[in-house]
Amino acid sequence: MKYIVIDLEMNPISTKYKQEHHICSQEIIQIGAVLLDEKFQEISSFATLVKPQFNNRIWKNYEKLTGITTSMVKSAPCFEEALKAFGSWYSHIHDQVQFIQWSTSDQTHMKREIQLKKIQPDSPELSFINEKWADLQAEYVNTLGMDRSISLSDAVMFAGEDFKGHAHDALIDARNTAYVLSVLRDEKKCEKTLHSVIDVFKPKTNCLLGDLFDFSSLCLQL
């Protein structure tokens, strides 16, 4: 079994494209991914910028968030070319592959953008589109017994590491997600690294009513 951890960065579609905006509100401007072996070690990586079709500029707040500027994507491949390049990158893998994403939004968005741009995902190099991608955020939250979602940077921190690199760079986010995967899928490492965090979020089902209140500051006069 091999693992491909994938991450995407986006930019809004211009509001002048009302019909397109209804199908998909953003376009992918960067794809980043890492290929991991059975021991969750990185053996290959993929990264490409993507030229947006329905906006001629990267919005300032997205530029600040991602570090991607309008000039950087001017000569980048279009979305369909970038997808095929990604497909060619991983198509040489003969082992079974599991795709990993942080939450489900990346695959959902990719499918919507394929619909928007009328791309036929029936070629062999685009078969990954319809694969089942694992939601690592949901797996992490489930493991910790949390009742809310968690950011990738917090997940890395709880797993005992500092976030490495500039967040919202697709390849860097993919690598940090891969680190979280390596902790969660290794039973011994998960127990050792996340034990104290799991204890914090674990529901306290056996406590007495009195345990919910602190009476230590009360002074009873007899």
N, C-alpha and C. Protein backbone atom coordinates (compact mmCIF):
# COMPACT_ATOMS: atom_id res chain seq x y z
N MET A 1 0.85 -1.21 0.00
CA MET A 1 0.00 0.00 0.00
C MET A 1 0.87 1.25 0.00
N LYS A 2 0.57 2.17 -0.90
CA LYS A 2 1.21 3.48 -0.93
C LYS A 2 0.13 4.53 -0.62
N TYR A 3 0.59 5.72 -0.26
CA TYR A 3 -0.33 6.80 0.11
C TYR A 3 0.03 8.06 -0.66
N ILE A 4 -0.98 8.73 -1.20
CA ILE A 4 -0.80 10.04 -1.81
C ILE A 4 -1.57 11.05 -0.99
N VAL A 5 -0.86 11.98 -0.39
CA VAL A 5 -1.48 13.05 0.40
C VAL A 5 -1.53 14.28 -0.49
N ILE A 6 -2.72 14.81 -0.71
CA ILE A 6 -2.91 15.89 -1.68
C ILE A 6 -3.52 17.13 -1.01
N ASP A 7 -3.12 18.30 -1.49
CA ASP A 7 -3.66 19.56 -0.97
C ASP A 7 -3.81 20.54 -2.13
N LEU A 8 -4.81 21.41 -2.03
CA LEU A 8 -5.10 22.40 -3.08
C LEU A 8 -5.17 23.79 -2.47
N GLU A 9 -4.80 24.78 -3.29
CA GLU A 9 -5.02 26.18 -2.92
C GLU A 9 -5.92 26.81 -3.97
N MET A 10 -6.74 27.77 -3.55
CA MET A 10 -7.79 28.32 -4.42
C MET A 10 -7.71 29.85 -4.54
N ASN A 11 -8.45 30.34 -5.52
CA ASN A 11 -8.66 31.78 -5.71
C ASN A 11 -10.10 31.97 -6.17
N PRO A 12 -10.80 33.00 -5.69
CA PRO A 12 -12.21 33.17 -6.07
C PRO A 12 -12.40 33.42 -7.56
N ILE A 13 -13.49 32.91 -8.09
CA ILE A 13 -13.91 33.25 -9.45
C ILE A 13 -14.50 34.66 -9.42
N SER A 14 -14.19 35.43 -10.44
CA SER A 14 -14.67 36.81 -10.51
C SER A 14 -16.20 36.83 -10.48
N THR A 15 -16.75 37.80 -9.78
CA THR A 15 -18.21 37.90 -9.63
C THR A 15 -18.91 38.22 -10.95
N LYS A 16 -18.17 38.64 -11.96
CA LYS A 16 -18.80 38.92 -13.26
C LYS A 16 -19.23 37.63 -13.97
N TYR A 17 -18.65 36.49 -13.54
CA TYR A 17 -19.03 35.20 -14.10
C TYR A 17 -20.11 34.58 -13.20
N LYS A 18 -21.30 35.10 -13.30
CA LYS A 18 -22.37 34.71 -12.37
C LYS A 18 -22.76 33.24 -12.52
N GLN A 19 -22.92 32.77 -13.74
CA GLN A 19 -23.33 31.39 -13.97
C GLN A 19 -22.25 30.42 -13.50
N GLU A 20 -21.00 30.72 -13.83
CA GLU A 20 -19.88 29.88 -13.41
C GLU A 20 -19.73 29.87 -11.90
N HIS A 21 -19.92 31.05 -11.29
CA HIS A 21 -19.80 31.18 -9.85
C HIS A 21 -20.83 30.32 -9.12
N HIS A 22 -21.96 30.10 -9.76
CA HIS A 22 -23.01 29.28 -9.16
C HIS A 22 -22.57 27.81 -9.08
N ILE A 23 -21.80 27.36 -10.06
CA ILE A 23 -21.33 25.97 -10.07
C ILE A 23 -20.15 25.79 -9.13
N CYS A 24 -19.26 26.78 -9.14
CA CYS A 24 -18.00 26.64 -8.39
C CYS A 24 -17.51 28.05 -8.05
N SER A 25 -17.39 28.37 -6.79
CA SER A 25 -17.08 29.74 -6.40
C SER A 25 -15.59 30.06 -6.46
N GLN A 26 -14.74 29.03 -6.55
CA GLN A 26 -13.29 29.24 -6.57
C GLN A 26 -12.63 28.36 -7.62
N GLU A 27 -11.41 28.75 -8.00
CA GLU A 27 -10.61 27.93 -8.91
C GLU A 27 -9.32 27.50 -8.21
N ILE A 28 -8.86 26.32 -8.55
CA ILE A 28 -7.59 25.82 -8.02
C ILE A 28 -6.45 26.59 -8.66
N ILE A 29 -5.52 27.08 -7.83
CA ILE A 29 -4.34 27.77 -8.35
C ILE A 29 -3.04 27.05 -7.97
N GLN A 30 -3.16 26.00 -7.18
CA GLN A 30 -1.96 25.21 -6.84
C GLN A 30 -2.38 23.81 -6.40
N ILE A 31 -1.62 22.83 -6.89
CA ILE A 31 -1.80 21.44 -6.46
C ILE A 31 -0.48 20.97 -5.88
N GLY A 32 -0.54 20.38 -4.70
CA GLY A 32 0.65 19.82 -4.07
C GLY A 32 0.35 18.43 -3.54
N ALA A 33 1.30 17.53 -3.65
CA ALA A 33 1.06 16.16 -3.18
C ALA A 33 2.38 15.48 -2.84
N VAL A 34 2.32 14.52 -1.93
CA VAL A 34 3.47 13.69 -1.61
C VAL A 34 3.06 12.23 -1.70
N LEU A 35 3.98 11.39 -2.17
CA LEU A 35 3.79 9.95 -2.23
C LEU A 35 4.56 9.32 -1.09
N LEU A 36 3.86 8.50 -0.29
CA LEU A 36 4.47 7.86 0.87
C LEU A 36 4.50 6.35 0.67
N ASP A 37 5.54 5.73 1.23
CA ASP A 37 5.62 4.27 1.17
C ASP A 37 4.83 3.64 2.32
N GLU A 38 4.99 2.33 2.51
CA GLU A 38 4.23 1.60 3.54
C GLU A 38 4.56 2.08 4.95
N LYS A 39 5.75 2.68 5.12
CA LYS A 39 6.16 3.18 6.43
C LYS A 39 5.92 4.68 6.57
N PHE A 40 5.15 5.23 5.65
CA PHE A 40 4.78 6.65 5.65
C PHE A 40 5.98 7.57 5.45
N GLN A 41 6.98 7.09 4.75
CA GLN A 41 8.14 7.90 4.38
C GLN A 41 7.92 8.47 2.98
N GLU A 42 8.26 9.74 2.79
CA GLU A 42 8.08 10.37 1.48
C GLU A 42 9.07 9.80 0.47
N ILE A 43 8.55 9.39 -0.67
CA ILE A 43 9.42 8.86 -1.72
C ILE A 43 9.32 9.68 -3.01
N SER A 44 8.34 10.57 -3.10
CA SER A 44 8.22 11.43 -4.27
C SER A 44 7.27 12.57 -3.94
N SER A 45 7.33 13.64 -4.74
CA SER A 45 6.43 14.77 -4.50
C SER A 45 6.03 15.40 -5.84
N PHE A 46 4.94 16.14 -5.78
CA PHE A 46 4.42 16.82 -6.98
C PHE A 46 3.93 18.20 -6.56
N ALA A 47 4.23 19.21 -7.38
CA ALA A 47 3.72 20.56 -7.12
C ALA A 47 3.61 21.32 -8.42
N THR A 48 2.51 21.99 -8.61
CA THR A 48 2.36 22.86 -9.78
C THR A 48 1.42 24.01 -9.45
N LEU A 49 1.72 25.17 -10.00
CA LEU A 49 0.76 26.27 -9.98
C LEU A 49 -0.23 26.03 -11.10
N VAL A 50 -1.38 26.67 -11.03
CA VAL A 50 -2.43 26.51 -12.03
C VAL A 50 -2.96 27.89 -12.41
N LYS A 51 -3.05 28.14 -13.70
CA LYS A 51 -3.54 29.44 -14.17
C LYS A 51 -5.06 29.48 -14.10
N PRO A 52 -5.65 30.44 -13.37
CA PRO A 52 -7.11 30.51 -13.29
C PRO A 52 -7.71 30.97 -14.62
N GLN A 53 -8.91 30.50 -14.90
CA GLN A 53 -9.58 30.84 -16.16
C GLN A 53 -10.60 31.95 -15.98
N PHE A 54 -11.19 32.05 -14.79
CA PHE A 54 -12.29 32.98 -14.57
C PHE A 54 -11.93 34.11 -13.61
N ASN A 55 -10.66 34.44 -13.56
CA ASN A 55 -10.19 35.62 -12.83
C ASN A 55 -8.80 35.93 -13.35
N ASN A 56 -8.55 37.17 -13.71
CA ASN A 56 -7.24 37.52 -14.27
C ASN A 56 -6.26 38.00 -13.20
N ARG A 57 -6.65 37.85 -11.94
CA ARG A 57 -5.74 38.25 -10.87
C ARG A 57 -5.99 37.40 -9.63
N ILE A 58 -4.96 37.30 -8.82
CA ILE A 58 -5.11 36.66 -7.50
C ILE A 58 -5.52 37.74 -6.52
N TRP A 59 -6.62 37.52 -5.82
CA TRP A 59 -7.08 38.53 -4.87
C TRP A 59 -6.04 38.73 -3.78
N LYS A 60 -5.97 39.96 -3.30
CA LYS A 60 -4.93 40.35 -2.35
C LYS A 60 -4.90 39.48 -1.09
N ASN A 61 -6.08 39.22 -0.53
CA ASN A 61 -6.10 38.42 0.71
C ASN A 61 -5.68 36.97 0.45
N TYR A 62 -5.96 36.47 -0.76
CA TYR A 62 -5.51 35.12 -1.11
C TYR A 62 -4.02 35.11 -1.44
N GLU A 63 -3.56 36.18 -2.01
CA GLU A 63 -2.12 36.33 -2.26
C GLU A 63 -1.35 36.33 -0.94
N LYS A 64 -1.89 37.07 0.03
CA LYS A 64 -1.25 37.12 1.34
C LYS A 64 -1.29 35.77 2.03
N LEU A 65 -2.42 35.06 1.87
CA LEU A 65 -2.60 33.76 2.51
C LEU A 65 -1.67 32.70 1.93
N THR A 66 -1.59 32.65 0.60
CA THR A 66 -0.87 31.56 -0.08
C THR A 66 0.54 31.91 -0.52
N GLY A 67 0.82 33.22 -0.67
CA GLY A 67 2.11 33.62 -1.22
C GLY A 67 2.15 33.54 -2.73
N ILE A 68 1.02 33.22 -3.36
CA ILE A 68 0.94 33.09 -4.82
C ILE A 68 0.46 34.41 -5.40
N THR A 69 1.21 34.97 -6.32
CA THR A 69 0.88 36.25 -6.93
C THR A 69 0.32 36.06 -8.35
N THR A 70 -0.29 37.11 -8.87
CA THR A 70 -0.84 37.07 -10.23
C THR A 70 0.24 36.74 -11.25
N SER A 71 1.41 37.35 -11.10
CA SER A 71 2.50 37.12 -12.07
C SER A 71 2.99 35.67 -12.03
N MET A 72 2.88 35.03 -10.88
CA MET A 72 3.36 33.65 -10.75
C MET A 72 2.51 32.65 -11.53
N VAL A 73 1.22 32.95 -11.71
CA VAL A 73 0.34 31.99 -12.40
C VAL A 73 0.11 32.32 -13.87
N LYS A 74 0.65 33.44 -14.35
CA LYS A 74 0.41 33.85 -15.74
C LYS A 74 0.87 32.81 -16.75
N SER A 75 2.00 32.19 -16.48
CA SER A 75 2.53 31.19 -17.42
C SER A 75 2.34 29.76 -16.91
N ALA A 76 1.53 29.60 -15.89
CA ALA A 76 1.28 28.26 -15.33
C ALA A 76 0.35 27.48 -16.24
N PRO A 77 0.35 26.15 -16.16
CA PRO A 77 -0.58 25.36 -16.96
C PRO A 77 -2.03 25.59 -16.55
N CYS A 78 -2.95 25.39 -17.48
CA CYS A 78 -4.36 25.48 -17.14
C CYS A 78 -4.76 24.29 -16.27
N PHE A 79 -5.98 24.33 -15.76
CA PHE A 79 -6.44 23.30 -14.82
C PHE A 79 -6.36 21.90 -15.42
N GLU A 80 -6.85 21.72 -16.65
CA GLU A 80 -6.85 20.39 -17.26
C GLU A 80 -5.42 19.88 -17.46
N GLU A 81 -4.52 20.75 -17.89
CA GLU A 81 -3.12 20.35 -18.08
C GLU A 81 -2.49 19.95 -16.74
N ALA A 82 -2.80 20.71 -15.70
CA ALA A 82 -2.25 20.42 -14.38
C ALA A 82 -2.76 19.08 -13.86
N LEU A 83 -4.05 18.79 -14.09
CA LEU A 83 -4.61 17.51 -13.67
C LEU A 83 -3.92 16.35 -14.37
N LYS A 84 -3.69 16.50 -15.67
CA LYS A 84 -3.05 15.43 -16.43
C LYS A 84 -1.60 15.24 -16.00
N ALA A 85 -0.91 16.35 -15.66
CA ALA A 85 0.46 16.25 -15.16
C ALA A 85 0.49 15.50 -13.84
N PHE A 86 -0.48 15.79 -12.99
CA PHE A 86 -0.58 15.09 -11.71
C PHE A 86 -0.85 13.60 -11.94
N GLY A 87 -1.77 13.31 -12.84
CA GLY A 87 -2.08 11.92 -13.15
C GLY A 87 -0.89 11.17 -13.70
N SER A 88 -0.11 11.82 -14.55
CA SER A 88 1.09 11.18 -15.10
C SER A 88 2.13 10.93 -14.02
N TRP A 89 2.19 11.84 -13.04
CA TRP A 89 3.16 11.70 -11.95
C TRP A 89 2.93 10.42 -11.15
N TYR A 90 1.66 10.14 -10.84
CA TYR A 90 1.42 8.99 -9.97
C TYR A 90 1.06 7.71 -10.73
N SER A 91 0.85 7.79 -12.06
CA SER A 91 0.34 6.64 -12.81
C SER A 91 1.33 5.48 -12.90
N HIS A 92 2.61 5.75 -12.60
CA HIS A 92 3.61 4.67 -12.67
C HIS A 92 3.57 3.77 -11.44
N ILE A 93 2.80 4.14 -10.42
CA ILE A 93 2.74 3.35 -9.19
C ILE A 93 1.91 2.09 -9.45
N HIS A 94 2.48 0.94 -9.17
CA HIS A 94 1.79 -0.31 -9.45
C HIS A 94 1.11 -0.88 -8.20
N ASP A 95 1.47 -0.38 -7.03
CA ASP A 95 0.84 -0.83 -5.79
C ASP A 95 -0.53 -0.17 -5.62
N GLN A 96 -1.30 -0.71 -4.69
CA GLN A 96 -2.56 -0.06 -4.33
C GLN A 96 -2.25 1.29 -3.68
N VAL A 97 -3.04 2.30 -4.02
CA VAL A 97 -2.80 3.66 -3.52
C VAL A 97 -4.04 4.16 -2.79
N GLN A 98 -3.82 4.77 -1.64
CA GLN A 98 -4.91 5.44 -0.94
C GLN A 98 -4.66 6.94 -0.98
N PHE A 99 -5.68 7.70 -1.40
CA PHE A 99 -5.58 9.15 -1.43
C PHE A 99 -6.03 9.72 -0.09
N ILE A 100 -5.27 10.68 0.40
CA ILE A 100 -5.54 11.29 1.71
C ILE A 100 -5.71 12.79 1.52
N GLN A 101 -6.73 13.35 2.15
CA GLN A 101 -6.93 14.81 2.14
C GLN A 101 -7.28 15.25 3.56
N TRP A 102 -7.08 16.54 3.81
CA TRP A 102 -7.46 17.10 5.11
C TRP A 102 -8.86 17.69 4.95
N SER A 103 -9.87 17.01 5.46
CA SER A 103 -11.30 17.29 5.26
C SER A 103 -11.71 16.74 3.89
N THR A 104 -12.93 16.99 3.48
CA THR A 104 -13.40 16.46 2.20
C THR A 104 -13.50 17.54 1.13
N SER A 105 -13.13 18.75 1.45
CA SER A 105 -13.38 19.87 0.54
C SER A 105 -12.55 19.82 -0.74
N ASP A 106 -11.34 19.28 -0.67
CA ASP A 106 -10.47 19.30 -1.86
C ASP A 106 -11.04 18.44 -2.99
N GLN A 107 -11.42 17.21 -2.69
CA GLN A 107 -11.97 16.36 -3.74
C GLN A 107 -13.30 16.91 -4.24
N THR A 108 -14.13 17.39 -3.32
CA THR A 108 -15.41 17.98 -3.72
C THR A 108 -15.21 19.14 -4.66
N HIS A 109 -14.26 20.02 -4.32
CA HIS A 109 -14.01 21.17 -5.18
C HIS A 109 -13.47 20.73 -6.53
N MET A 110 -12.56 19.77 -6.54
CA MET A 110 -11.97 19.33 -7.80
C MET A 110 -13.05 18.81 -8.74
N LYS A 111 -13.99 18.06 -8.22
CA LYS A 111 -15.08 17.53 -9.05
C LYS A 111 -15.94 18.66 -9.60
N ARG A 112 -16.20 19.67 -8.78
CA ARG A 112 -17.01 20.81 -9.25
C ARG A 112 -16.30 21.60 -10.34
N GLU A 113 -14.99 21.75 -10.18
CA GLU A 113 -14.25 22.51 -11.19
C GLU A 113 -14.15 21.72 -12.49
N ILE A 114 -14.06 20.42 -12.40
CA ILE A 114 -14.09 19.57 -13.59
C ILE A 114 -15.42 19.72 -14.31
N GLN A 115 -16.51 19.76 -13.55
CA GLN A 115 -17.83 19.99 -14.12
C GLN A 115 -17.90 21.37 -14.78
N LEU A 116 -17.40 22.38 -14.07
CA LEU A 116 -17.44 23.75 -14.57
C LEU A 116 -16.70 23.88 -15.91
N LYS A 117 -15.54 23.25 -16.00
CA LYS A 117 -14.69 23.42 -17.18
C LYS A 117 -14.89 22.31 -18.21
N LYS A 118 -15.93 21.50 -17.99
CA LYS A 118 -16.36 20.49 -18.96
C LYS A 118 -15.21 19.55 -19.35
N ILE A 119 -14.48 19.11 -18.34
CA ILE A 119 -13.39 18.16 -18.56
C ILE A 119 -13.93 16.74 -18.42
N GLN A 120 -13.57 15.87 -19.33
CA GLN A 120 -14.01 14.48 -19.30
C GLN A 120 -13.00 13.64 -18.50
N PRO A 121 -13.35 13.25 -17.28
CA PRO A 121 -12.38 12.54 -16.43
C PRO A 121 -12.34 11.03 -16.69
N ASP A 122 -12.39 10.64 -17.98
CA ASP A 122 -12.44 9.22 -18.30
C ASP A 122 -11.11 8.68 -18.81
N SER A 123 -10.11 9.54 -18.92
CA SER A 123 -8.80 9.06 -19.35
C SER A 123 -8.08 8.42 -18.17
N PRO A 124 -7.16 7.47 -18.42
CA PRO A 124 -6.50 6.75 -17.32
C PRO A 124 -5.80 7.66 -16.32
N GLU A 125 -5.19 8.75 -16.79
CA GLU A 125 -4.45 9.61 -15.87
C GLU A 125 -5.36 10.46 -14.98
N LEU A 126 -6.66 10.47 -15.28
CA LEU A 126 -7.61 11.22 -14.44
C LEU A 126 -8.50 10.30 -13.61
N SER A 127 -8.18 9.03 -13.56
CA SER A 127 -9.00 8.08 -12.82
C SER A 127 -9.03 8.37 -11.33
N PHE A 128 -7.99 9.06 -10.82
CA PHE A 128 -7.92 9.36 -9.38
C PHE A 128 -9.07 10.24 -8.92
N ILE A 129 -9.70 10.97 -9.84
CA ILE A 129 -10.79 11.88 -9.48
C ILE A 129 -11.92 11.13 -8.77
N ASN A 130 -12.19 9.92 -9.24
CA ASN A 130 -13.32 9.16 -8.70
C ASN A 130 -12.92 8.12 -7.67
N GLU A 131 -11.65 8.13 -7.27
CA GLU A 131 -11.22 7.28 -6.17
C GLU A 131 -11.84 7.80 -4.87
N LYS A 132 -11.91 6.93 -3.87
CA LYS A 132 -12.38 7.37 -2.55
C LYS A 132 -11.19 7.96 -1.80
N TRP A 133 -11.26 9.25 -1.46
CA TRP A 133 -10.19 9.92 -0.73
C TRP A 133 -10.51 9.89 0.76
N ALA A 134 -9.57 9.45 1.57
CA ALA A 134 -9.77 9.40 3.02
C ALA A 134 -9.73 10.81 3.61
N ASP A 135 -10.60 11.06 4.55
CA ASP A 135 -10.67 12.36 5.25
C ASP A 135 -9.85 12.24 6.54
N LEU A 136 -8.62 12.74 6.52
CA LEU A 136 -7.75 12.59 7.68
C LEU A 136 -8.19 13.48 8.85
N GLN A 137 -8.80 14.61 8.55
CA GLN A 137 -9.30 15.46 9.63
C GLN A 137 -10.35 14.72 10.46
N ALA A 138 -11.29 14.06 9.78
CA ALA A 138 -12.32 13.30 10.48
C ALA A 138 -11.71 12.15 11.28
N GLU A 139 -10.72 11.49 10.70
CA GLU A 139 -10.05 10.39 11.40
C GLU A 139 -9.34 10.89 12.65
N TYR A 140 -8.71 12.05 12.55
CA TYR A 140 -7.99 12.64 13.68
C TYR A 140 -8.95 13.02 14.80
N VAL A 141 -10.01 13.72 14.43
CA VAL A 141 -11.02 14.15 15.40
C VAL A 141 -11.64 12.94 16.10
N ASN A 142 -11.90 11.90 15.33
CA ASN A 142 -12.47 10.68 15.89
C ASN A 142 -11.52 10.03 16.88
N THR A 143 -10.25 9.98 16.53
CA THR A 143 -9.25 9.36 17.40
C THR A 143 -9.14 10.10 18.73
N LEU A 144 -9.20 11.43 18.67
CA LEU A 144 -9.08 12.23 19.88
C LEU A 144 -10.38 12.32 20.66
N GLY A 145 -11.49 11.90 20.06
CA GLY A 145 -12.78 11.99 20.73
C GLY A 145 -13.29 13.41 20.82
N MET A 146 -12.94 14.24 19.83
CA MET A 146 -13.37 15.64 19.82
C MET A 146 -14.75 15.75 19.19
N ASP A 147 -15.47 16.82 19.52
CA ASP A 147 -16.78 17.05 18.94
C ASP A 147 -16.78 18.24 17.99
N ARG A 148 -15.61 18.61 17.52
CA ARG A 148 -15.49 19.75 16.59
C ARG A 148 -14.31 19.48 15.65
N SER A 149 -14.26 20.23 14.55
CA SER A 149 -13.15 20.09 13.61
C SER A 149 -11.90 20.77 14.18
N ILE A 150 -10.77 20.52 13.55
CA ILE A 150 -9.51 21.07 14.03
C ILE A 150 -8.67 21.49 12.83
N SER A 151 -7.91 22.56 12.97
CA SER A 151 -7.06 23.02 11.87
C SER A 151 -5.87 22.09 11.72
N LEU A 152 -5.28 22.10 10.53
CA LEU A 152 -4.11 21.27 10.28
C LEU A 152 -2.95 21.68 11.19
N SER A 153 -2.75 22.98 11.37
CA SER A 153 -1.63 23.44 12.20
C SER A 153 -1.79 22.98 13.65
N ASP A 154 -3.02 23.02 14.17
CA ASP A 154 -3.26 22.53 15.54
C ASP A 154 -3.07 21.02 15.62
N ALA A 155 -3.49 20.31 14.58
CA ALA A 155 -3.32 18.86 14.55
C ALA A 155 -1.84 18.48 14.59
N VAL A 156 -1.01 19.21 13.85
CA VAL A 156 0.44 18.96 13.86
C VAL A 156 1.00 19.24 15.25
N MET A 157 0.57 20.33 15.86
CA MET A 157 1.05 20.70 17.19
C MET A 157 0.67 19.64 18.23
N PHE A 158 -0.60 19.20 18.21
CA PHE A 158 -1.04 18.16 19.14
C PHE A 158 -0.27 16.86 18.93
N ALA A 159 0.19 16.64 17.69
CA ALA A 159 0.93 15.42 17.37
C ALA A 159 2.42 15.55 17.69
N GLY A 160 2.79 16.65 18.37
CA GLY A 160 4.14 16.76 18.90
C GLY A 160 5.16 17.44 18.02
N GLU A 161 4.73 18.18 17.00
CA GLU A 161 5.67 18.86 16.11
C GLU A 161 5.24 20.30 15.87
N ASP A 162 6.18 21.14 15.47
CA ASP A 162 5.85 22.47 14.98
C ASP A 162 5.49 22.34 13.50
N PHE A 163 4.54 23.15 13.06
CA PHE A 163 4.18 23.16 11.64
C PHE A 163 5.40 23.59 10.84
N LYS A 164 5.77 22.82 9.85
CA LYS A 164 6.99 23.10 9.08
C LYS A 164 6.65 23.81 7.79
N GLY A 165 7.22 25.03 7.64
CA GLY A 165 7.03 25.78 6.40
C GLY A 165 5.89 26.76 6.46
N HIS A 166 5.57 27.33 5.29
CA HIS A 166 4.55 28.36 5.15
C HIS A 166 3.20 27.70 4.92
N ALA A 167 2.28 27.86 5.87
CA ALA A 167 0.94 27.28 5.73
C ALA A 167 0.26 27.84 4.49
N HIS A 168 -0.61 27.05 3.88
CA HIS A 168 -1.34 27.40 2.67
C HIS A 168 -0.45 27.44 1.43
N ASP A 169 0.68 26.75 1.51
CA ASP A 169 1.40 26.32 0.32
C ASP A 169 1.00 24.86 0.15
N ALA A 170 0.50 24.49 -1.03
CA ALA A 170 -0.11 23.17 -1.19
C ALA A 170 0.85 22.02 -0.87
N LEU A 171 2.10 22.12 -1.32
CA LEU A 171 3.05 21.04 -1.05
C LEU A 171 3.42 20.98 0.43
N ILE A 172 3.60 22.13 1.04
CA ILE A 172 3.94 22.17 2.47
C ILE A 172 2.78 21.63 3.31
N ASP A 173 1.56 22.03 2.97
CA ASP A 173 0.40 21.51 3.69
C ASP A 173 0.28 20.00 3.52
N ALA A 174 0.57 19.51 2.31
CA ALA A 174 0.52 18.06 2.07
C ALA A 174 1.56 17.34 2.94
N ARG A 175 2.74 17.92 3.08
CA ARG A 175 3.79 17.29 3.90
C ARG A 175 3.42 17.30 5.38
N ASN A 176 2.82 18.36 5.85
CA ASN A 176 2.40 18.40 7.25
C ASN A 176 1.24 17.43 7.49
N THR A 177 0.35 17.31 6.52
CA THR A 177 -0.73 16.32 6.62
C THR A 177 -0.14 14.91 6.65
N ALA A 178 0.90 14.69 5.86
CA ALA A 178 1.56 13.38 5.83
C ALA A 178 2.16 13.04 7.19
N TYR A 179 2.68 14.05 7.88
CA TYR A 179 3.21 13.80 9.23
C TYR A 179 2.10 13.33 10.17
N VAL A 180 0.95 14.02 10.12
CA VAL A 180 -0.17 13.63 10.97
C VAL A 180 -0.61 12.20 10.63
N LEU A 181 -0.64 11.88 9.34
CA LEU A 181 -0.99 10.53 8.91
C LEU A 181 -0.04 9.50 9.51
N SER A 182 1.25 9.80 9.49
CA SER A 182 2.25 8.85 10.00
C SER A 182 2.08 8.59 11.50
N VAL A 183 1.54 9.56 12.23
CA VAL A 183 1.29 9.38 13.66
C VAL A 183 0.01 8.58 13.87
N LEU A 184 -1.06 8.97 13.18
CA LEU A 184 -2.36 8.32 13.38
C LEU A 184 -2.36 6.86 12.98
N ARG A 185 -1.66 6.52 11.89
CA ARG A 185 -1.73 5.15 11.37
C ARG A 185 -0.69 4.22 12.01
N ASP A 186 0.15 4.75 12.90
CA ASP A 186 1.11 3.93 13.62
C ASP A 186 0.61 3.80 15.06
N GLU A 187 0.13 2.64 15.43
CA GLU A 187 -0.52 2.46 16.73
C GLU A 187 0.38 2.87 17.90
N LYS A 188 1.64 2.44 17.87
CA LYS A 188 2.56 2.77 18.97
C LYS A 188 2.87 4.26 19.01
N LYS A 189 3.12 4.82 17.83
CA LYS A 189 3.43 6.26 17.77
C LYS A 189 2.22 7.09 18.19
N CYS A 190 1.04 6.66 17.79
CA CYS A 190 -0.18 7.38 18.15
C CYS A 190 -0.39 7.36 19.66
N GLU A 191 -0.22 6.19 20.26
CA GLU A 191 -0.39 6.06 21.71
C GLU A 191 0.61 6.93 22.45
N LYS A 192 1.86 6.90 22.00
CA LYS A 192 2.91 7.66 22.67
C LYS A 192 2.75 9.16 22.49
N THR A 193 2.42 9.58 21.27
CA THR A 193 2.39 11.01 20.94
C THR A 193 1.10 11.68 21.36
N LEU A 194 -0.04 11.00 21.19
CA LEU A 194 -1.33 11.65 21.41
C LEU A 194 -2.02 11.23 22.70
N HIS A 195 -1.36 10.41 23.51
CA HIS A 195 -2.00 9.88 24.71
C HIS A 195 -2.55 10.99 25.61
N SER A 196 -1.74 11.97 25.94
CA SER A 196 -2.18 13.03 26.86
C SER A 196 -3.29 13.88 26.23
N VAL A 197 -3.23 14.08 24.90
CA VAL A 197 -4.26 14.87 24.22
C VAL A 197 -5.58 14.12 24.21
N ILE A 198 -5.51 12.80 23.95
CA ILE A 198 -6.72 11.98 23.95
C ILE A 198 -7.38 12.00 25.32
N ASP A 199 -6.58 11.97 26.38
CA ASP A 199 -7.12 12.01 27.75
C ASP A 199 -7.89 13.30 28.01
N VAL A 200 -7.39 14.41 27.44
CA VAL A 200 -8.04 15.70 27.65
C VAL A 200 -9.43 15.71 27.02
N PHE A 201 -9.54 15.17 25.80
CA PHE A 201 -10.80 15.24 25.07
C PHE A 201 -11.73 14.06 25.33
N LYS A 202 -11.23 13.03 26.00
CA LYS A 202 -12.06 11.86 26.26
C LYS A 202 -13.23 12.24 27.17
N PRO A 203 -14.46 11.85 26.80
CA PRO A 203 -15.62 12.17 27.66
C PRO A 203 -15.48 11.53 29.04
N LYS A 204 -15.80 12.29 30.07
CA LYS A 204 -15.73 11.77 31.43
C LYS A 204 -17.12 11.23 31.79
N THR A 205 -17.32 9.93 31.58
CA THR A 205 -18.65 9.35 31.75
C THR A 205 -18.91 8.82 33.15
N ASN A 206 -17.85 8.64 33.94
CA ASN A 206 -18.02 8.01 35.24
C ASN A 206 -17.91 8.99 36.41
N CYS A 207 -17.96 10.27 36.13
CA CYS A 207 -17.80 11.23 37.22
C CYS A 207 -19.13 11.41 37.96
N LEU A 208 -19.03 11.74 39.24
CA LEU A 208 -20.20 12.03 40.05
C LEU A 208 -20.60 13.48 39.88
N LEU A 209 -21.83 13.80 40.23
CA LEU A 209 -22.31 15.18 40.10
C LEU A 209 -21.42 16.13 40.87
N GLY A 210 -20.97 15.72 42.05
CA GLY A 210 -20.13 16.58 42.87
C GLY A 210 -18.78 16.87 42.23
N ASP A 211 -18.34 15.97 41.32
CA ASP A 211 -17.05 16.18 40.65
C ASP A 211 -17.09 17.35 39.68
N LEU A 212 -18.30 17.78 39.29
CA LEU A 212 -18.43 18.87 38.34
C LEU A 212 -18.28 20.23 39.00
N PHE A 213 -18.23 20.28 40.34
CA PHE A 213 -18.16 21.54 41.06
C PHE A 213 -16.95 21.56 41.99
N ASP A 214 -16.40 22.72 42.17
CA ASP A 214 -15.26 22.88 43.07
C ASP A 214 -15.75 23.52 44.37
N PHE A 215 -15.78 22.71 45.45
CA PHE A 215 -16.25 23.20 46.75
C PHE A 215 -15.11 23.59 47.68
N SER A 216 -13.88 23.58 47.17
CA SER A 216 -12.73 23.78 48.04
C SER A 216 -12.69 25.19 48.64
N SER A 217 -13.32 26.15 47.97
CA SER A 217 -13.24 27.53 48.47
C SER A 217 -14.34 27.84 49.49
N LEU A 218 -15.25 26.88 49.71
CA LEU A 218 -16.34 27.12 50.65
C LEU A 218 -15.90 26.81 52.07
N CYS A 219 -16.33 27.64 52.97
CA CYS A 219 -16.02 27.42 54.40
C CYS A 219 -17.35 27.31 55.14
N LEU A 220 -17.63 26.12 55.68
CA LEU A 220 -18.88 25.90 56.37
C LEU A 220 -18.72 26.17 57.87
N GLN A 221 -19.62 26.95 58.40
CA GLN A 221 -19.58 27.28 59.83
C GLN A 221 -20.51 26.33 60.58
N LEU A 222 -20.00 25.67 61.57
CA LEU A 222 -20.80 24.73 62.37
C LEU A 222 -21.27 25.41 63.66
